[in-house]
Amino acid sequence: MDLNLKDKRALITGSSKGLGYATALGLAKEGCKVAINGRDEAKIKGAAEKLSKETGTQIIGLVGDASLPDVPARLIQQTVEAFGGLDILITNTGGPKPGSIDSLDDDTWQKGIDLCFMAHVRLIRSALPHLRKSDAASILTVTSFTVRQPLPNLLISNSVRSATIGLTKSLALELGREGIRVNSILPGWTETERVTELLNARVKANNSTLEDEAKRQAAEIPLGRMGQPEEFANAAIFLVSPAASYITGTMLNVDGSVVKGVY
């Protein structure tokens, strides 16, 4: 299937590694011009060089913490200046600090809100004037399966990512008449650095090993294994492509069916 992504222009935040990087690689292989973003200058520069060498596509690396109020607008502007416009925006951020209601103070909550909700709001708001000029505009927010099946000790993530789902659906309804599609992917347990961090916390709590915790988690997934970043990327690339032109307002689980609910 031709996804009609050649020469489309995309920005993916949180993409120096993990899900974001895998998605950037897939888009670039489809001929898309891609701006990637991360907080570490050396890592984002290295990732951009690697992607460009592997795909032969125009890649730019943008440094900045998308959770900070003034960064999203700058990332959008830099992308537009480099590519002459914007067709695809994928808002991906890291995860907030774990903890219980008793252990999380107001400052930690606010940082989680900026990271997992306001970053999406600010990026989308800044991108809209440019997306409105595109004939294939698409927005994809990256959230988590925990908005449908909360996990213990991830109180901020469980709570705040649900707000991003509300934002995504609301914008799909508001922007549909303008031809701008807005969807979200709710990834499950995928072999990324973030998941390794969560499992290492269990290692300390349970006095176990990383291998034991990974096996225990995989056993709870109907497919019997964790996902690979490329499997997430395949779904993301389709959703943002013109091939998915009649799909908007969708919250897609890419989780091996770890969520037990019907909806």
C-alpha atoms as a PDB file:
ATOM      1  CA  MET A   1       0.000   0.000   0.000  1.00  0.00           C
ATOM      2  CA  ASP A   2       1.251   3.463  -0.904  1.00  0.00           C
ATOM      3  CA  LEU A   3       0.762   5.607   2.186  1.00  0.00           C
ATOM      4  CA  ASN A   4       1.283   8.815   0.156  1.00  0.00           C
ATOM      5  CA  LEU A   5       3.827  10.148   2.619  1.00  0.00           C
ATOM      6  CA  LYS A   6       6.566  11.152   0.183  1.00  0.00           C
ATOM      7  CA  ASP A   7       7.660  14.752   0.785  1.00  0.00           C
ATOM      8  CA  LYS A   8       5.210  15.211   3.661  1.00  0.00           C
ATOM      9  CA  ARG A   9       6.658  17.239   6.536  1.00  0.00           C
ATOM     10  CA  ALA A  10       6.537  15.943  10.103  1.00  0.00           C
ATOM     11  CA  LEU A  11       7.599  16.909  13.612  1.00  0.00           C
ATOM     12  CA  ILE A  12       7.865  14.230  16.296  1.00  0.00           C
ATOM     13  CA  THR A  13       8.700  15.282  19.825  1.00  0.00           C
ATOM     14  CA  GLY A  14      10.445  12.952  22.242  1.00  0.00           C
ATOM     15  CA  SER A  15      12.074  11.113  19.354  1.00  0.00           C
ATOM     16  CA  SER A  16      15.765  10.647  20.081  1.00  0.00           C
ATOM     17  CA  LYS A  17      14.975   7.069  21.148  1.00  0.00           C
ATOM     18  CA  GLY A  18      12.155   4.604  21.796  1.00  0.00           C
ATOM     19  CA  LEU A  19       8.719   4.958  20.239  1.00  0.00           C
ATOM     20  CA  GLY A  20       9.415   8.395  18.783  1.00  0.00           C
ATOM     21  CA  TYR A  21      12.650   7.332  17.111  1.00  0.00           C
ATOM     22  CA  ALA A  22      11.094   4.200  15.617  1.00  0.00           C
ATOM     23  CA  THR A  23       8.261   6.305  14.198  1.00  0.00           C
ATOM     24  CA  ALA A  24      10.690   8.857  12.755  1.00  0.00           C
ATOM     25  CA  LEU A  25      12.612   6.054  11.066  1.00  0.00           C
ATOM     26  CA  GLY A  26       9.462   4.592   9.558  1.00  0.00           C
ATOM     27  CA  LEU A  27       8.237   7.957   8.269  1.00  0.00           C
ATOM     28  CA  ALA A  28      11.630   8.745   6.774  1.00  0.00           C
ATOM     29  CA  LYS A  29      11.672   5.397   4.975  1.00  0.00           C
ATOM     30  CA  GLU A  30       8.346   6.409   3.430  1.00  0.00           C
ATOM     31  CA  GLY A  31       9.972   9.561   2.058  1.00  0.00           C
ATOM     32  CA  CYS A  32       8.722  11.970   4.709  1.00  0.00           C
ATOM     33  CA  LYS A  33      10.863  14.905   5.838  1.00  0.00           C
ATOM     34  CA  VAL A  34      11.159  14.572   9.607  1.00  0.00           C
ATOM     35  CA  ALA A  35      12.103  16.861  12.476  1.00  0.00           C
ATOM     36  CA  ILE A  36      12.998  14.960  15.627  1.00  0.00           C
ATOM     37  CA  ASN A  37      13.290  16.400  19.099  1.00  0.00           C
ATOM     38  CA  GLY A  38      14.876  15.653  22.429  1.00  0.00           C
ATOM     39  CA  ARG A  39      16.364  17.387  25.456  1.00  0.00           C
ATOM     40  CA  ASP A  40      19.925  16.056  25.088  1.00  0.00           C
ATOM     41  CA  GLU A  41      21.803  17.867  22.302  1.00  0.00           C
ATOM     42  CA  ALA A  42      24.352  15.109  21.711  1.00  0.00           C
ATOM     43  CA  LYS A  43      21.696  12.388  21.565  1.00  0.00           C
ATOM     44  CA  ILE A  44      19.368  14.259  19.225  1.00  0.00           C
ATOM     45  CA  LYS A  45      22.237  15.215  16.919  1.00  0.00           C
ATOM     46  CA  GLY A  46      23.429  11.615  16.794  1.00  0.00           C
ATOM     47  CA  ALA A  47      19.902  10.311  16.162  1.00  0.00           C
ATOM     48  CA  ALA A  48      19.355  12.800  13.329  1.00  0.00           C
ATOM     49  CA  GLU A  49      22.633  11.865  11.657  1.00  0.00           C
ATOM     50  CA  LYS A  50      21.852   8.158  11.936  1.00  0.00           C
ATOM     51  CA  LEU A  51      18.356   8.568  10.478  1.00  0.00           C
ATOM     52  CA  SER A  52      19.600  10.703   7.608  1.00  0.00           C
ATOM     53  CA  LYS A  53      22.361   8.252   6.741  1.00  0.00           C
ATOM     54  CA  GLU A  54      20.050   5.237   6.878  1.00  0.00           C
ATOM     55  CA  THR A  55      17.153   6.711   4.907  1.00  0.00           C
ATOM     56  CA  GLY A  56      18.664   9.400   2.674  1.00  0.00           C
ATOM     57  CA  THR A  57      15.818  11.682   3.741  1.00  0.00           C
ATOM     58  CA  GLN A  58      16.000  15.220   5.104  1.00  0.00           C
ATOM     59  CA  ILE A  59      16.134  14.989   8.891  1.00  0.00           C
ATOM     60  CA  ILE A  60      16.666  17.789  11.380  1.00  0.00           C
ATOM     61  CA  GLY A  61      17.319  17.443  15.094  1.00  0.00           C
ATOM     62  CA  LEU A  62      15.777  20.022  17.418  1.00  0.00           C
ATOM     63  CA  VAL A  63      16.884  20.412  21.025  1.00  0.00           C
ATOM     64  CA  GLY A  64      14.379  21.386  23.682  1.00  0.00           C
ATOM     65  CA  ASP A  65      12.224  20.236  26.585  1.00  0.00           C
ATOM     66  CA  ALA A  66       8.662  20.254  25.217  1.00  0.00           C
ATOM     67  CA  SER A  67       7.233  20.491  28.743  1.00  0.00           C
ATOM     68  CA  LEU A  68       8.573  24.047  29.107  1.00  0.00           C
ATOM     69  CA  PRO A  69       6.076  26.771  28.106  1.00  0.00           C
ATOM     70  CA  ASP A  70       8.213  28.532  25.487  1.00  0.00           C
ATOM     71  CA  VAL A  71       9.690  25.480  23.743  1.00  0.00           C
ATOM     72  CA  PRO A  72       6.748  24.049  21.721  1.00  0.00           C
ATOM     73  CA  ALA A  73       6.275  27.208  19.630  1.00  0.00           C
ATOM     74  CA  ARG A  74      10.006  27.304  18.898  1.00  0.00           C
ATOM     75  CA  LEU A  75      10.036  23.667  17.773  1.00  0.00           C
ATOM     76  CA  ILE A  76       7.133  24.287  15.410  1.00  0.00           C
ATOM     77  CA  GLN A  77       8.751  27.416  13.972  1.00  0.00           C
ATOM     78  CA  GLN A  78      12.091  25.683  13.420  1.00  0.00           C
ATOM     79  CA  THR A  79      10.359  22.814  11.620  1.00  0.00           C
ATOM     80  CA  VAL A  80       8.385  25.134   9.359  1.00  0.00           C
ATOM     81  CA  GLU A  81      11.472  27.181   8.522  1.00  0.00           C
ATOM     82  CA  ALA A  82      13.399  24.051   7.578  1.00  0.00           C
ATOM     83  CA  PHE A  83      10.671  22.320   5.554  1.00  0.00           C
ATOM     84  CA  GLY A  84       8.512  25.193   4.339  1.00  0.00           C
ATOM     85  CA  GLY A  85       5.440  23.956   6.178  1.00  0.00           C
ATOM     86  CA  LEU A  86       3.999  21.195   8.326  1.00  0.00           C
ATOM     87  CA  ASP A  87       1.685  18.287   7.532  1.00  0.00           C
ATOM     88  CA  ILE A  88       2.103  15.905  10.463  1.00  0.00           C
ATOM     89  CA  LEU A  89       2.502  16.554  14.176  1.00  0.00           C
ATOM     90  CA  ILE A  90       3.171  13.708  16.600  1.00  0.00           C
ATOM     91  CA  THR A  91       3.203  14.828  20.216  1.00  0.00           C
ATOM     92  CA  ASN A  92       5.139  12.337  22.286  1.00  0.00           C
ATOM     93  CA  THR A  93       6.533  12.986  25.757  1.00  0.00           C
ATOM     94  CA  GLY A  94       8.179  11.024  28.530  1.00  0.00           C
ATOM     95  CA  GLY A  95       6.447   9.749  31.620  1.00  0.00           C
ATOM     96  CA  PRO A  96       5.997  11.622  34.907  1.00  0.00           C
ATOM     97  CA  LYS A  97       7.357  10.612  38.287  1.00  0.00           C
ATOM     98  CA  PRO A  98       5.647   7.546  39.794  1.00  0.00           C
ATOM     99  CA  GLY A  99       4.193   7.608  43.289  1.00  0.00           C
ATOM    100  CA  SER A 100       1.105   7.552  45.494  1.00  0.00           C
ATOM    101  CA  ILE A 101      -1.201  10.383  46.570  1.00  0.00           C
ATOM    102  CA  ASP A 102       0.775  10.739  49.798  1.00  0.00           C
ATOM    103  CA  SER A 103       4.202  10.949  48.141  1.00  0.00           C
ATOM    104  CA  LEU A 104       3.517  13.418  45.316  1.00  0.00           C
ATOM    105  CA  ASP A 105       3.598  17.141  46.092  1.00  0.00           C
ATOM    106  CA  ASP A 106       2.049  19.985  44.089  1.00  0.00           C
ATOM    107  CA  ASP A 107       5.266  20.785  42.239  1.00  0.00           C
ATOM    108  CA  THR A 108       5.581  17.197  41.048  1.00  0.00           C
ATOM    109  CA  TRP A 109       1.955  17.217  39.917  1.00  0.00           C
ATOM    110  CA  GLN A 110       2.484  20.459  37.986  1.00  0.00           C
ATOM    111  CA  LYS A 111       5.550  19.045  36.236  1.00  0.00           C
ATOM    112  CA  GLY A 112       3.478  16.007  35.265  1.00  0.00           C
ATOM    113  CA  ILE A 113       0.697  18.224  33.905  1.00  0.00           C
ATOM    114  CA  ASP A 114       3.169  20.257  31.840  1.00  0.00           C
ATOM    115  CA  LEU A 115       4.827  17.104  30.517  1.00  0.00           C
ATOM    116  CA  CYS A 116       1.814  14.907  29.788  1.00  0.00           C
ATOM    117  CA  PHE A 117      -0.893  17.451  28.976  1.00  0.00           C
ATOM    118  CA  MET A 118       0.208  21.038  28.402  1.00  0.00           C
ATOM    119  CA  ALA A 119       3.021  19.982  26.059  1.00  0.00           C
ATOM    120  CA  HIS A 120       0.362  18.526  23.744  1.00  0.00           C
ATOM    121  CA  VAL A 121      -1.805  21.643  24.070  1.00  0.00           C
ATOM    122  CA  ARG A 122       1.040  24.043  23.314  1.00  0.00           C
ATOM    123  CA  LEU A 123       2.428  22.041  20.407  1.00  0.00           C
ATOM    124  CA  ILE A 124      -0.951  21.665  18.742  1.00  0.00           C
ATOM    125  CA  ARG A 125      -1.901  25.292  19.289  1.00  0.00           C
ATOM    126  CA  SER A 126       1.359  26.475  17.723  1.00  0.00           C
ATOM    127  CA  ALA A 127       1.095  24.026  14.825  1.00  0.00           C
ATOM    128  CA  LEU A 128      -2.493  24.750  13.790  1.00  0.00           C
ATOM    129  CA  PRO A 129      -1.819  27.829  11.615  1.00  0.00           C
ATOM    130  CA  HIS A 130       0.582  25.711   9.551  1.00  0.00           C
ATOM    131  CA  LEU A 131      -1.513  22.538   9.535  1.00  0.00           C
ATOM    132  CA  ARG A 132      -4.435  24.552   8.200  1.00  0.00           C
ATOM    133  CA  LYS A 133      -2.378  25.186   5.051  1.00  0.00           C
ATOM    134  CA  SER A 134      -1.767  21.457   4.484  1.00  0.00           C
ATOM    135  CA  ASP A 135      -3.947  19.246   2.292  1.00  0.00           C
ATOM    136  CA  ALA A 136      -3.152  16.212   4.464  1.00  0.00           C
ATOM    137  CA  ALA A 137      -2.990  17.557   8.012  1.00  0.00           C
ATOM    138  CA  SER A 138      -2.778  15.014  10.814  1.00  0.00           C
ATOM    139  CA  ILE A 139      -2.121  15.161  14.551  1.00  0.00           C
ATOM    140  CA  LEU A 140      -1.263  12.138  16.679  1.00  0.00           C
ATOM    141  CA  THR A 141      -0.994  12.325  20.466  1.00  0.00           C
ATOM    142  CA  VAL A 142       0.864   9.523  22.219  1.00  0.00           C
ATOM    143  CA  THR A 143      -0.648   8.594  25.571  1.00  0.00           C
ATOM    144  CA  SER A 144      -0.824   5.195  27.321  1.00  0.00           C
ATOM    145  CA  PHE A 145      -3.047   2.176  27.807  1.00  0.00           C
ATOM    146  CA  THR A 146      -3.271   3.275  31.446  1.00  0.00           C
ATOM    147  CA  VAL A 147      -5.981   5.800  30.536  1.00  0.00           C
ATOM    148  CA  ARG A 148      -8.234   2.734  30.173  1.00  0.00           C
ATOM    149  CA  GLN A 149      -6.613   0.453  32.743  1.00  0.00           C
ATOM    150  CA  PRO A 150      -4.675   2.395  35.417  1.00  0.00           C
ATOM    151  CA  LEU A 151      -1.498   0.950  36.872  1.00  0.00           C
ATOM    152  CA  PRO A 152      -0.581   1.079  40.570  1.00  0.00           C
ATOM    153  CA  ASN A 153       1.908   3.753  41.629  1.00  0.00           C
ATOM    154  CA  LEU A 154       1.469   5.740  38.375  1.00  0.00           C
ATOM    155  CA  LEU A 155      -1.073   8.181  39.773  1.00  0.00           C
ATOM    156  CA  ILE A 156       0.019  11.250  37.791  1.00  0.00           C
ATOM    157  CA  SER A 157       0.298   9.371  34.502  1.00  0.00           C
ATOM    158  CA  ASN A 158      -3.053   7.627  35.001  1.00  0.00           C
ATOM    159  CA  SER A 159      -4.736  10.950  35.709  1.00  0.00           C
ATOM    160  CA  VAL A 160      -3.089  13.469  33.410  1.00  0.00           C
ATOM    161  CA  ARG A 161      -2.882  11.345  30.260  1.00  0.00           C
ATOM    162  CA  SER A 162      -6.665  10.959  30.459  1.00  0.00           C
ATOM    163  CA  ALA A 163      -6.909  14.721  29.939  1.00  0.00           C
ATOM    164  CA  THR A 164      -4.937  14.362  26.714  1.00  0.00           C
ATOM    165  CA  ILE A 165      -7.471  11.796  25.508  1.00  0.00           C
ATOM    166  CA  GLY A 166     -10.230  14.326  26.163  1.00  0.00           C
ATOM    167  CA  LEU A 167      -8.233  16.939  24.267  1.00  0.00           C
ATOM    168  CA  THR A 168      -7.703  14.583  21.332  1.00  0.00           C
ATOM    169  CA  LYS A 169     -11.361  13.697  20.935  1.00  0.00           C
ATOM    170  CA  SER A 170     -12.489  17.293  21.378  1.00  0.00           C
ATOM    171  CA  LEU A 171     -10.074  18.523  18.713  1.00  0.00           C
ATOM    172  CA  ALA A 172     -11.120  15.773  16.321  1.00  0.00           C
ATOM    173  CA  LEU A 173     -14.682  17.075  16.595  1.00  0.00           C
ATOM    174  CA  GLU A 174     -13.670  20.724  16.309  1.00  0.00           C
ATOM    175  CA  LEU A 175     -11.147  20.419  13.488  1.00  0.00           C
ATOM    176  CA  GLY A 176     -12.794  17.784  11.330  1.00  0.00           C
ATOM    177  CA  ARG A 177     -14.560  20.373   9.170  1.00  0.00           C
ATOM    178  CA  GLU A 178     -11.158  21.837   8.369  1.00  0.00           C
ATOM    179  CA  GLY A 179      -9.823  18.491   7.205  1.00  0.00           C
ATOM    180  CA  ILE A 180      -7.453  18.112  10.145  1.00  0.00           C
ATOM    181  CA  ARG A 181      -7.471  14.623  11.628  1.00  0.00           C
ATOM    182  CA  VAL A 182      -6.628  14.055  15.320  1.00  0.00           C
ATOM    183  CA  ASN A 183      -6.010  10.601  16.806  1.00  0.00           C
ATOM    184  CA  SER A 184      -4.166   9.027  19.711  1.00  0.00           C
ATOM    185  CA  ILE A 185      -2.249   5.809  20.245  1.00  0.00           C
ATOM    186  CA  LEU A 186      -2.363   4.159  23.658  1.00  0.00           C
ATOM    187  CA  PRO A 187       0.774   2.015  23.728  1.00  0.00           C
ATOM    188  CA  GLY A 188       1.069  -0.914  26.082  1.00  0.00           C
ATOM    189  CA  TRP A 189       4.183  -2.593  27.445  1.00  0.00           C
ATOM    190  CA  THR A 190       6.847  -2.000  24.803  1.00  0.00           C
ATOM    191  CA  GLU A 191      10.572  -2.624  25.087  1.00  0.00           C
ATOM    192  CA  THR A 192      11.779   0.929  25.615  1.00  0.00           C
ATOM    193  CA  GLU A 193      13.980   2.734  28.122  1.00  0.00           C
ATOM    194  CA  ARG A 194      10.871   4.007  29.949  1.00  0.00           C
ATOM    195  CA  VAL A 195       9.577   0.469  30.492  1.00  0.00           C
ATOM    196  CA  THR A 196      12.995  -0.635  31.707  1.00  0.00           C
ATOM    197  CA  GLU A 197      12.852   2.168  34.308  1.00  0.00           C
ATOM    198  CA  LEU A 198       9.429   1.006  35.510  1.00  0.00           C
ATOM    199  CA  LEU A 199      10.577  -2.603  35.734  1.00  0.00           C
ATOM    200  CA  ASN A 200      13.724  -1.631  37.619  1.00  0.00           C
ATOM    201  CA  ALA A 201      11.509   0.035  40.226  1.00  0.00           C
ATOM    202  CA  ARG A 202       9.754  -3.311  40.644  1.00  0.00           C
ATOM    203  CA  VAL A 203      13.136  -5.042  40.921  1.00  0.00           C
ATOM    204  CA  LYS A 204      13.978  -2.886  43.949  1.00  0.00           C
ATOM    205  CA  ALA A 205      10.537  -3.289  45.501  1.00  0.00           C
ATOM    206  CA  ASN A 206      10.393  -7.056  45.025  1.00  0.00           C
ATOM    207  CA  ASN A 207      14.098  -7.862  45.475  1.00  0.00           C
ATOM    208  CA  SER A 208      14.003  -9.654  42.134  1.00  0.00           C
ATOM    209  CA  THR A 209      15.801  -9.349  38.785  1.00  0.00           C
ATOM    210  CA  LEU A 210      14.980  -7.396  35.654  1.00  0.00           C
ATOM    211  CA  GLU A 211      14.605 -10.641  33.730  1.00  0.00           C
ATOM    212  CA  ASP A 212      12.109 -11.966  36.292  1.00  0.00           C
ATOM    213  CA  GLU A 213      10.029  -8.789  36.194  1.00  0.00           C
ATOM    214  CA  ALA A 214      10.024  -8.731  32.383  1.00  0.00           C
ATOM    215  CA  LYS A 215       8.844 -12.353  32.260  1.00  0.00           C
ATOM    216  CA  ARG A 216       6.167 -11.681  34.874  1.00  0.00           C
ATOM    217  CA  GLN A 217       4.869  -8.703  32.919  1.00  0.00           C
ATOM    218  CA  ALA A 218       4.926 -10.548  29.590  1.00  0.00           C
ATOM    219  CA  ALA A 219       2.867 -13.338  31.109  1.00  0.00           C
ATOM    220  CA  GLU A 220       0.038 -10.857  31.774  1.00  0.00           C
ATOM    221  CA  ILE A 221      -0.161  -9.883  28.085  1.00  0.00           C
ATOM    222  CA  PRO A 222      -2.406 -12.109  25.929  1.00  0.00           C
ATOM    223  CA  LEU A 223       0.219 -12.244  23.168  1.00  0.00           C
ATOM    224  CA  GLY A 224       2.722 -13.450  25.756  1.00  0.00           C
ATOM    225  CA  ARG A 225       5.363 -10.815  25.071  1.00  0.00           C
ATOM    226  CA  MET A 226       6.056  -7.109  25.144  1.00  0.00           C
ATOM    227  CA  GLY A 227       5.816  -5.066  21.980  1.00  0.00           C
ATOM    228  CA  GLN A 228       8.654  -3.719  19.901  1.00  0.00           C
ATOM    229  CA  PRO A 229       8.963   0.019  19.090  1.00  0.00           C
ATOM    230  CA  GLU A 230       8.626  -0.833  15.391  1.00  0.00           C
ATOM    231  CA  GLU A 231       5.188  -2.338  16.025  1.00  0.00           C
ATOM    232  CA  PHE A 232       4.024   0.905  17.583  1.00  0.00           C
ATOM    233  CA  ALA A 233       5.607   2.849  14.727  1.00  0.00           C
ATOM    234  CA  ASN A 234       3.765   0.845  12.069  1.00  0.00           C
ATOM    235  CA  ALA A 235       0.425   1.823  13.577  1.00  0.00           C
ATOM    236  CA  ALA A 236       1.460   5.449  14.044  1.00  0.00           C
ATOM    237  CA  ILE A 237       2.722   5.821  10.477  1.00  0.00           C
ATOM    238  CA  PHE A 238      -0.538   4.510   9.059  1.00  0.00           C
ATOM    239  CA  LEU A 239      -2.692   6.728  11.274  1.00  0.00           C
ATOM    240  CA  VAL A 240      -0.902   9.952  10.291  1.00  0.00           C
ATOM    241  CA  SER A 241      -0.756   9.047   6.602  1.00  0.00           C
ATOM    242  CA  PRO A 242      -3.269  10.071   3.916  1.00  0.00           C
ATOM    243  CA  ALA A 243      -4.090   6.351   3.639  1.00  0.00           C
ATOM    244  CA  ALA A 244      -6.020   6.760   6.923  1.00  0.00           C
ATOM    245  CA  SER A 245      -7.963   9.747   5.580  1.00  0.00           C
ATOM    246  CA  TYR A 246     -11.313   8.711   7.142  1.00  0.00           C
ATOM    247  CA  ILE A 247      -9.940   7.924  10.594  1.00  0.00           C
ATOM    248  CA  THR A 248     -10.151  10.670  13.203  1.00  0.00           C
ATOM    249  CA  GLY A 249     -11.077  10.817  16.884  1.00  0.00           C
ATOM    250  CA  THR A 250      -9.733   7.293  17.377  1.00  0.00           C
ATOM    251  CA  MET A 251      -7.922   6.140  20.524  1.00  0.00           C
ATOM    252  CA  LEU A 252      -6.015   3.093  19.297  1.00  0.00           C
ATOM    253  CA  ASN A 253      -4.622   0.535  21.716  1.00  0.00           C
ATOM    254  CA  VAL A 254      -1.322  -0.939  20.542  1.00  0.00           C
ATOM    255  CA  ASP A 255      -0.882  -3.165  23.572  1.00  0.00           C
ATOM    256  CA  GLY A 256      -1.108  -6.864  22.765  1.00  0.00           C
ATOM    257  CA  SER A 257      -4.616  -6.733  24.303  1.00  0.00           C
ATOM    258  CA  VAL A 258      -3.307  -6.106  27.813  1.00  0.00           C
ATOM    259  CA  VAL A 259      -6.363  -3.870  28.371  1.00  0.00           C
ATOM    260  CA  LYS A 260      -9.171  -6.210  29.354  1.00  0.00           C
ATOM    261  CA  GLY A 261     -12.104  -3.875  28.655  1.00  0.00           C
ATOM    262  CA  VAL A 262     -14.316  -4.117  25.559  1.00  0.00           C
ATOM    263  CA  TYR A 263     -13.887  -0.415  24.715  1.00  0.00           C
END
